[in-house]
Amino acid sequence: MEDVKSGMRACGYTNLAGTGDKTPIDQALKRFYCMKDSGFTRKDNLDLCKQGRIGESPICEDRR
């Protein structure tokens, strides 16, 4: 669990609990893909750029 928290901090997360986070979507996407690109995976295989209109973000350009 500490490796996940360390990875989250390295990717710019400030709220490790994930609740009440009001981060703009583009910044949230950068953090999400930083973790994914660092080798972390989610149990639910969520891919934010494949979730509706979120995929229209320029951050998702090469991830659709």
PDB file of N, CA and C in Angstrom:
ATOM      1  N   MET A   1       0.826  -1.197   0.000  1.00  0.00           N
ATOM      2  CA  MET A   1       0.000   0.000   0.000  1.00  0.00           C
ATOM      3  C   MET A   1       0.869   1.259   0.000  1.00  0.00           C
ATOM      4  N   GLU A   2       2.001   1.206   0.662  1.00  0.00           N
ATOM      5  CA  GLU A   2       2.876   2.382   0.701  1.00  0.00           C
ATOM      6  C   GLU A   2       3.422   2.710  -0.684  1.00  0.00           C
ATOM      7  N   ASP A   3       3.655   1.673  -1.521  1.00  0.00           N
ATOM      8  CA  ASP A   3       4.139   1.946  -2.873  1.00  0.00           C
ATOM      9  C   ASP A   3       3.085   2.672  -3.700  1.00  0.00           C
ATOM     10  N   VAL A   4       1.815   2.358  -3.461  1.00  0.00           N
ATOM     11  CA  VAL A   4       0.726   3.052  -4.157  1.00  0.00           C
ATOM     12  C   VAL A   4       0.676   4.508  -3.710  1.00  0.00           C
ATOM     13  N   LYS A   5       0.737   4.732  -2.413  1.00  0.00           N
ATOM     14  CA  LYS A   5       0.701   6.104  -1.893  1.00  0.00           C
ATOM     15  C   LYS A   5       1.898   6.903  -2.390  1.00  0.00           C
ATOM     16  N   SER A   6       3.047   6.282  -2.423  1.00  0.00           N
ATOM     17  CA  SER A   6       4.249   6.951  -2.922  1.00  0.00           C
ATOM     18  C   SER A   6       4.087   7.303  -4.399  1.00  0.00           C
ATOM     19  N   GLY A   7       3.532   6.373  -5.177  1.00  0.00           N
ATOM     20  CA  GLY A   7       3.274   6.622  -6.593  1.00  0.00           C
ATOM     21  C   GLY A   7       2.276   7.746  -6.793  1.00  0.00           C
ATOM     22  N   MET A   8       1.249   7.768  -5.962  1.00  0.00           N
ATOM     23  CA  MET A   8       0.246   8.828  -6.057  1.00  0.00           C
ATOM     24  C   MET A   8       0.871  10.190  -5.791  1.00  0.00           C
ATOM     25  N   ARG A   9       1.687  10.266  -4.767  1.00  0.00           N
ATOM     26  CA  ARG A   9       2.358  11.540  -4.465  1.00  0.00           C
ATOM     27  C   ARG A   9       3.262  11.956  -5.624  1.00  0.00           C
ATOM     28  N   ALA A  10       4.003  11.002  -6.185  1.00  0.00           N
ATOM     29  CA  ALA A  10       4.908  11.293  -7.300  1.00  0.00           C
ATOM     30  C   ALA A  10       4.139  11.781  -8.528  1.00  0.00           C
ATOM     31  N   CYS A  11       2.898  11.342  -8.665  1.00  0.00           N
ATOM     32  CA  CYS A  11       2.076  11.749  -9.807  1.00  0.00           C
ATOM     33  C   CYS A  11       1.261  13.010  -9.532  1.00  0.00           C
ATOM     34  N   GLY A  12       1.424  13.596  -8.362  1.00  0.00           N
ATOM     35  CA  GLY A  12       0.781  14.870  -8.079  1.00  0.00           C
ATOM     36  C   GLY A  12      -0.483  14.818  -7.253  1.00  0.00           C
ATOM     37  N   TYR A  13      -0.892  13.641  -6.811  1.00  0.00           N
ATOM     38  CA  TYR A  13      -2.071  13.558  -5.949  1.00  0.00           C
ATOM     39  C   TYR A  13      -1.755  14.208  -4.608  1.00  0.00           C
ATOM     40  N   THR A  14      -2.677  15.023  -4.129  1.00  0.00           N
ATOM     41  CA  THR A  14      -2.525  15.617  -2.804  1.00  0.00           C
ATOM     42  C   THR A  14      -3.527  15.019  -1.828  1.00  0.00           C
ATOM     43  N   ASN A  15      -4.631  14.518  -2.347  1.00  0.00           N
ATOM     44  CA  ASN A  15      -5.677  13.903  -1.536  1.00  0.00           C
ATOM     45  C   ASN A  15      -5.639  12.398  -1.795  1.00  0.00           C
ATOM     46  N   LEU A  16      -4.913  11.667  -0.978  1.00  0.00           N
ATOM     47  CA  LEU A  16      -4.742  10.237  -1.205  1.00  0.00           C
ATOM     48  C   LEU A  16      -6.003   9.434  -0.933  1.00  0.00           C
ATOM     49  N   ALA A  17      -6.950   9.997  -0.190  1.00  0.00           N
ATOM     50  CA  ALA A  17      -8.217   9.311   0.077  1.00  0.00           C
ATOM     51  C   ALA A  17      -9.124   9.352  -1.146  1.00  0.00           C
ATOM     52  N   GLY A  18      -8.982  10.385  -1.972  1.00  0.00           N
ATOM     53  CA  GLY A  18      -9.769  10.498  -3.186  1.00  0.00           C
ATOM     54  C   GLY A  18     -11.163  11.065  -3.008  1.00  0.00           C
ATOM     55  N   THR A  19     -11.545  11.408  -1.793  1.00  0.00           N
ATOM     56  CA  THR A  19     -12.884  11.948  -1.572  1.00  0.00           C
ATOM     57  C   THR A  19     -12.850  13.468  -1.544  1.00  0.00           C
ATOM     58  N   GLY A  20     -13.877  14.077  -2.119  1.00  0.00           N
ATOM     59  CA  GLY A  20     -13.998  15.527  -2.086  1.00  0.00           C
ATOM     60  C   GLY A  20     -12.991  16.266  -2.943  1.00  0.00           C
ATOM     61  N   ASP A  21     -12.366  15.571  -3.870  1.00  0.00           N
ATOM     62  CA  ASP A  21     -11.349  16.189  -4.724  1.00  0.00           C
ATOM     63  C   ASP A  21     -12.025  17.020  -5.813  1.00  0.00           C
ATOM     64  N   LYS A  22     -11.669  18.276  -5.907  1.00  0.00           N
ATOM     65  CA  LYS A  22     -12.274  19.177  -6.896  1.00  0.00           C
ATOM     66  C   LYS A  22     -11.270  19.541  -7.998  1.00  0.00           C
ATOM     67  N   THR A  23     -10.326  18.654  -8.257  1.00  0.00           N
ATOM     68  CA  THR A  23      -9.303  18.870  -9.271  1.00  0.00           C
ATOM     69  C   THR A  23      -9.944  18.970 -10.654  1.00  0.00           C
ATOM     70  N   PRO A  24      -9.525  19.935 -11.480  1.00  0.00           N
ATOM     71  CA  PRO A  24     -10.023  20.009 -12.862  1.00  0.00           C
ATOM     72  C   PRO A  24      -9.737  18.698 -13.606  1.00  0.00           C
ATOM     73  N   ILE A  25     -10.637  18.336 -14.520  1.00  0.00           N
ATOM     74  CA  ILE A  25     -10.558  17.031 -15.180  1.00  0.00           C
ATOM     75  C   ILE A  25      -9.230  16.810 -15.907  1.00  0.00           C
ATOM     76  N   ASP A  26      -8.691  17.823 -16.574  1.00  0.00           N
ATOM     77  CA  ASP A  26      -7.428  17.621 -17.288  1.00  0.00           C
ATOM     78  C   ASP A  26      -6.295  17.269 -16.327  1.00  0.00           C
ATOM     79  N   GLN A  27      -6.279  17.889 -15.176  1.00  0.00           N
ATOM     80  CA  GLN A  27      -5.254  17.577 -14.182  1.00  0.00           C
ATOM     81  C   GLN A  27      -5.488  16.179 -13.601  1.00  0.00           C
ATOM     82  N   ALA A  28      -6.735  15.825 -13.378  1.00  0.00           N
ATOM     83  CA  ALA A  28      -7.059  14.483 -12.873  1.00  0.00           C
ATOM     84  C   ALA A  28      -6.638  13.417 -13.884  1.00  0.00           C
ATOM     85  N   LEU A  29      -6.849  13.697 -15.165  1.00  0.00           N
ATOM     86  CA  LEU A  29      -6.438  12.755 -16.206  1.00  0.00           C
ATOM     87  C   LEU A  29      -4.921  12.590 -16.237  1.00  0.00           C
ATOM     88  N   LYS A  30      -4.199  13.689 -16.102  1.00  0.00           N
ATOM     89  CA  LYS A  30      -2.730  13.605 -16.079  1.00  0.00           C
ATOM     90  C   LYS A  30      -2.265  12.731 -14.928  1.00  0.00           C
ATOM     91  N   ARG A  31      -2.870  12.907 -13.767  1.00  0.00           N
ATOM     92  CA  ARG A  31      -2.501  12.102 -12.599  1.00  0.00           C
ATOM     93  C   ARG A  31      -2.847  10.636 -12.814  1.00  0.00           C
ATOM     94  N   PHE A  32      -4.048  10.389 -13.328  1.00  0.00           N
ATOM     95  CA  PHE A  32      -4.512   9.025 -13.569  1.00  0.00           C
ATOM     96  C   PHE A  32      -3.557   8.294 -14.508  1.00  0.00           C
ATOM     97  N   TYR A  33      -3.192   8.937 -15.615  1.00  0.00           N
ATOM     98  CA  TYR A  33      -2.327   8.280 -16.592  1.00  0.00           C
ATOM     99  C   TYR A  33      -0.874   8.244 -16.153  1.00  0.00           C
ATOM    100  N   CYS A  34      -0.476   9.127 -15.282  1.00  0.00           N
ATOM    101  CA  CYS A  34       0.850   9.033 -14.676  1.00  0.00           C
ATOM    102  C   CYS A  34       0.944   7.724 -13.897  1.00  0.00           C
ATOM    103  N   MET A  35      -0.081   7.427 -13.122  1.00  0.00           N
ATOM    104  CA  MET A  35      -0.096   6.181 -12.349  1.00  0.00           C
ATOM    105  C   MET A  35      -0.115   4.971 -13.286  1.00  0.00           C
ATOM    106  N   LYS A  36      -0.963   5.031 -14.291  1.00  0.00           N
ATOM    107  CA  LYS A  36      -1.077   3.915 -15.234  1.00  0.00           C
ATOM    108  C   LYS A  36       0.246   3.702 -15.972  1.00  0.00           C
ATOM    109  N   ASP A  37       0.864   4.782 -16.414  1.00  0.00           N
ATOM    110  CA  ASP A  37       2.140   4.690 -17.129  1.00  0.00           C
ATOM    111  C   ASP A  37       3.275   4.229 -16.221  1.00  0.00           C
ATOM    112  N   SER A  38       3.085   4.377 -14.912  1.00  0.00           N
ATOM    113  CA  SER A  38       4.090   3.929 -13.941  1.00  0.00           C
ATOM    114  C   SER A  38       3.920   2.449 -13.598  1.00  0.00           C
ATOM    115  N   GLY A  39       2.921   1.813 -14.202  1.00  0.00           N
ATOM    116  CA  GLY A  39       2.731   0.383 -14.005  1.00  0.00           C
ATOM    117  C   GLY A  39       1.640  -0.005 -13.031  1.00  0.00           C
ATOM    118  N   PHE A  40       0.954   0.972 -12.465  1.00  0.00           N
ATOM    119  CA  PHE A  40      -0.139   0.661 -11.544  1.00  0.00           C
ATOM    120  C   PHE A  40      -1.391   0.313 -12.344  1.00  0.00           C
ATOM    121  N   THR A  41      -2.182  -0.594 -11.811  1.00  0.00           N
ATOM    122  CA  THR A  41      -3.424  -0.993 -12.472  1.00  0.00           C
ATOM    123  C   THR A  41      -4.575  -0.885 -11.480  1.00  0.00           C
ATOM    124  N   ARG A  42      -5.772  -0.836 -12.023  1.00  0.00           N
ATOM    125  CA  ARG A  42      -6.980  -0.821 -11.198  1.00  0.00           C
ATOM    126  C   ARG A  42      -7.662  -2.170 -11.330  1.00  0.00           C
ATOM    127  N   LYS A  43      -8.296  -2.618 -10.280  1.00  0.00           N
ATOM    128  CA  LYS A  43      -9.003  -3.902 -10.316  1.00  0.00           C
ATOM    129  C   LYS A  43     -10.171  -3.877 -11.291  1.00  0.00           C
ATOM    130  N   ASP A  44     -10.758  -2.693 -11.496  1.00  0.00           N
ATOM    131  CA  ASP A  44     -11.909  -2.578 -12.392  1.00  0.00           C
ATOM    132  C   ASP A  44     -11.515  -2.238 -13.831  1.00  0.00           C
ATOM    133  N   ASN A  45     -10.220  -2.142 -14.117  1.00  0.00           N
ATOM    134  CA  ASN A  45      -9.705  -1.838 -15.460  1.00  0.00           C
ATOM    135  C   ASN A  45     -10.251  -0.534 -16.040  1.00  0.00           C
ATOM    136  N   LEU A  46     -10.610   0.400 -15.198  1.00  0.00           N
ATOM    137  CA  LEU A  46     -11.131   1.689 -15.648  1.00  0.00           C
ATOM    138  C   LEU A  46     -10.117   2.394 -16.542  1.00  0.00           C
ATOM    139  N   ASP A  47     -10.599   2.942 -17.644  1.00  0.00           N
ATOM    140  CA  ASP A  47      -9.774   3.762 -18.528  1.00  0.00           C
ATOM    141  C   ASP A  47     -10.553   5.058 -18.756  1.00  0.00           C
ATOM    142  N   LEU A  48     -10.141   6.120 -18.085  1.00  0.00           N
ATOM    143  CA  LEU A  48     -10.917   7.362 -18.091  1.00  0.00           C
ATOM    144  C   LEU A  48     -11.146   7.940 -19.483  1.00  0.00           C
ATOM    145  N   CYS A  49     -10.192   7.810 -20.382  1.00  0.00           N
ATOM    146  CA  CYS A  49     -10.357   8.390 -21.718  1.00  0.00           C
ATOM    147  C   CYS A  49     -11.393   7.646 -22.555  1.00  0.00           C
ATOM    148  N   LYS A  50     -11.877   6.539 -22.062  1.00  0.00           N
ATOM    149  CA  LYS A  50     -12.917   5.794 -22.771  1.00  0.00           C
ATOM    150  C   LYS A  50     -14.275   5.971 -22.101  1.00  0.00           C
ATOM    151  N   GLN A  51     -14.371   6.977 -21.222  1.00  0.00           N
ATOM    152  CA  GLN A  51     -15.595   7.235 -20.472  1.00  0.00           C
ATOM    153  C   GLN A  51     -16.305   8.481 -21.006  1.00  0.00           C
ATOM    154  N   GLY A  52     -17.161   8.313 -21.969  1.00  0.00           N
ATOM    155  CA  GLY A  52     -17.998   9.403 -22.464  1.00  0.00           C
ATOM    156  C   GLY A  52     -17.227  10.631 -22.911  1.00  0.00           C
ATOM    157  N   ARG A  53     -17.712  11.793 -22.509  1.00  0.00           N
ATOM    158  CA  ARG A  53     -17.155  13.067 -22.967  1.00  0.00           C
ATOM    159  C   ARG A  53     -15.778  13.359 -22.402  1.00  0.00           C
ATOM    160  N   ILE A  54     -15.386  12.663 -21.347  1.00  0.00           N
ATOM    161  CA  ILE A  54     -14.044  12.853 -20.794  1.00  0.00           C
ATOM    162  C   ILE A  54     -13.013  12.598 -21.889  1.00  0.00           C
ATOM    163  N   GLY A  55     -13.310  11.666 -22.769  1.00  0.00           N
ATOM    164  CA  GLY A  55     -12.404  11.308 -23.858  1.00  0.00           C
ATOM    165  C   GLY A  55     -12.141  12.428 -24.839  1.00  0.00           C
ATOM    166  N   GLU A  56     -12.919  13.504 -24.776  1.00  0.00           N
ATOM    167  CA  GLU A  56     -12.708  14.650 -25.661  1.00  0.00           C
ATOM    168  C   GLU A  56     -11.567  15.544 -25.190  1.00  0.00           C
ATOM    169  N   SER A  57     -11.073  15.308 -23.996  1.00  0.00           N
ATOM    170  CA  SER A  57      -9.975  16.112 -23.459  1.00  0.00           C
ATOM    171  C   SER A  57      -8.723  15.929 -24.312  1.00  0.00           C
ATOM    172  N   PRO A  58      -7.948  17.005 -24.506  1.00  0.00           N
ATOM    173  CA  PRO A  58      -6.686  16.884 -25.246  1.00  0.00           C
ATOM    174  C   PRO A  58      -5.719  15.890 -24.593  1.00  0.00           C
ATOM    175  N   ILE A  59      -5.856  15.676 -23.304  1.00  0.00           N
ATOM    176  CA  ILE A  59      -5.007  14.716 -22.591  1.00  0.00           C
ATOM    177  C   ILE A  59      -5.230  13.311 -23.155  1.00  0.00           C
ATOM    178  N   CYS A  60      -6.423  13.054 -23.661  1.00  0.00           N
ATOM    179  CA  CYS A  60      -6.786  11.728 -24.163  1.00  0.00           C
ATOM    180  C   CYS A  60      -6.414  11.521 -25.629  1.00  0.00           C
ATOM    181  N   GLU A  61      -5.828  12.498 -26.255  1.00  0.00           N
ATOM    182  CA  GLU A  61      -5.560  12.454 -27.693  1.00  0.00           C
ATOM    183  C   GLU A  61      -4.947  11.129 -28.153  1.00  0.00           C
ATOM    184  N   ASP A  62      -3.934  10.642 -27.504  1.00  0.00           N
ATOM    185  CA  ASP A  62      -3.271   9.401 -27.925  1.00  0.00           C
ATOM    186  C   ASP A  62      -3.714   8.192 -27.115  1.00  0.00           C
ATOM    187  N   ARG A  63      -4.800   8.326 -26.365  1.00  0.00           N
ATOM    188  CA  ARG A  63      -5.218   7.240 -25.471  1.00  0.00           C
ATOM    189  C   ARG A  63      -6.604   6.697 -25.794  1.00  0.00           C
ATOM    190  N   ARG A  64      -7.224   7.175 -26.834  1.00  0.00           N
ATOM    191  CA  ARG A  64      -8.580   6.714 -27.183  1.00  0.00           C
ATOM    192  C   ARG A  64      -8.542   5.360 -27.846  1.00  0.00           C
TER     193      ARG A  64
END
